[in-house]
């Protein structure tokens, strides 16, 4: 868990869960439809993988969320 995760996770129970699951990097994006939001696309990487999402990953995830909707 790095300082960014700690700074952006305000709920102590949620922070504990993130640490327990070994989540390193997260992307959460709304899935838009013509009638509003259908749901949320959630992508995460693990501490074990050591991989962090980058700007190119975010752009691809945004395109995917738009196509889903």
Protein backbone atom coordinates (compact mmCIF):
# COMPACT_ATOMS: atom_id res chain seq x y z
CA UNK A 1 0.00 0.00 0.00
CA UNK A 2 1.51 3.30 -0.97
CA UNK A 3 0.76 6.82 0.25
CA UNK A 4 -1.53 7.52 -2.72
CA UNK A 5 -3.78 4.58 -1.91
CA UNK A 6 -3.88 5.61 1.71
CA UNK A 7 -4.65 9.23 0.84
CA UNK A 8 -7.51 8.31 -1.52
CA UNK A 9 -9.13 5.67 0.69
CA UNK A 10 -11.00 7.41 3.48
CA UNK A 11 -12.82 4.43 4.99
CA UNK A 12 -10.52 2.49 7.39
CA UNK A 13 -12.40 -0.78 6.75
CA UNK A 14 -11.99 -0.36 3.01
CA UNK A 15 -8.31 0.46 3.39
CA UNK A 16 -7.88 -2.70 5.45
CA UNK A 17 -9.62 -4.74 2.74
CA UNK A 18 -7.38 -3.28 0.04
CA UNK A 19 -4.31 -4.20 2.05
CA UNK A 20 -5.61 -7.71 2.71
CA UNK A 21 -6.35 -8.34 -0.98
CA UNK A 22 -2.94 -7.06 -2.04
CA UNK A 23 -4.28 -4.47 -4.49
CA UNK A 24 -1.62 -2.19 -5.92
CA UNK A 25 -3.29 -0.18 -8.68
CA UNK A 26 -6.96 0.43 -9.51
CA UNK A 27 -9.02 1.92 -12.35
CA UNK A 28 -12.75 2.49 -11.75
CA UNK A 29 -14.74 3.86 -14.68
CA UNK A 30 -18.46 4.43 -15.21
CA UNK A 31 -20.10 2.44 -18.01
CA UNK A 32 -22.24 5.06 -19.77
CA UNK A 33 -25.44 4.33 -21.67
CA UNK A 34 -27.96 6.59 -23.35
CA UNK A 35 -30.12 6.33 -20.21
CA UNK A 36 -27.38 7.09 -17.68
CA UNK A 37 -24.80 4.91 -15.99
CA UNK A 38 -25.12 1.12 -16.43
CA UNK A 39 -22.42 0.17 -13.91
CA UNK A 40 -18.75 0.48 -13.14
CA UNK A 41 -15.78 -1.15 -14.85
CA UNK A 42 -13.24 -2.05 -12.15
CA UNK A 43 -9.72 -3.11 -13.00
CA UNK A 44 -6.96 -3.79 -10.50
CA UNK A 45 -3.43 -5.12 -10.28
CA UNK A 46 -1.86 -6.93 -7.37
CA UNK A 47 1.15 -6.15 -5.25
CA UNK A 48 2.49 -9.53 -6.37
CA UNK A 49 2.47 -8.50 -10.05
CA UNK A 50 4.11 -5.16 -9.27
CA UNK A 51 2.29 -3.64 -12.26
CA UNK A 52 0.76 -0.20 -12.02
CA UNK A 53 -1.78 1.13 -14.49
CA UNK A 54 -0.37 3.76 -16.82
CA UNK A 55 -1.98 6.48 -18.95
CA UNK A 56 -2.20 4.17 -21.98
CA UNK A 57 -4.02 1.58 -19.84
CA UNK A 58 -6.49 4.23 -18.71
CA UNK A 59 -7.19 5.27 -22.32
CA UNK A 60 -7.83 1.65 -23.31
CA UNK A 61 -10.07 1.08 -20.28
CA UNK A 62 -12.08 4.22 -21.13
CA UNK A 63 -12.60 2.95 -24.68
CA UNK A 64 -13.66 -0.44 -23.34
CA UNK A 65 -16.15 1.11 -20.89
CA UNK A 66 -17.63 3.19 -23.71
CA UNK A 67 -17.99 0.10 -25.94
CA UNK A 68 -19.64 -1.91 -23.17
CA UNK A 69 -22.25 0.78 -22.72
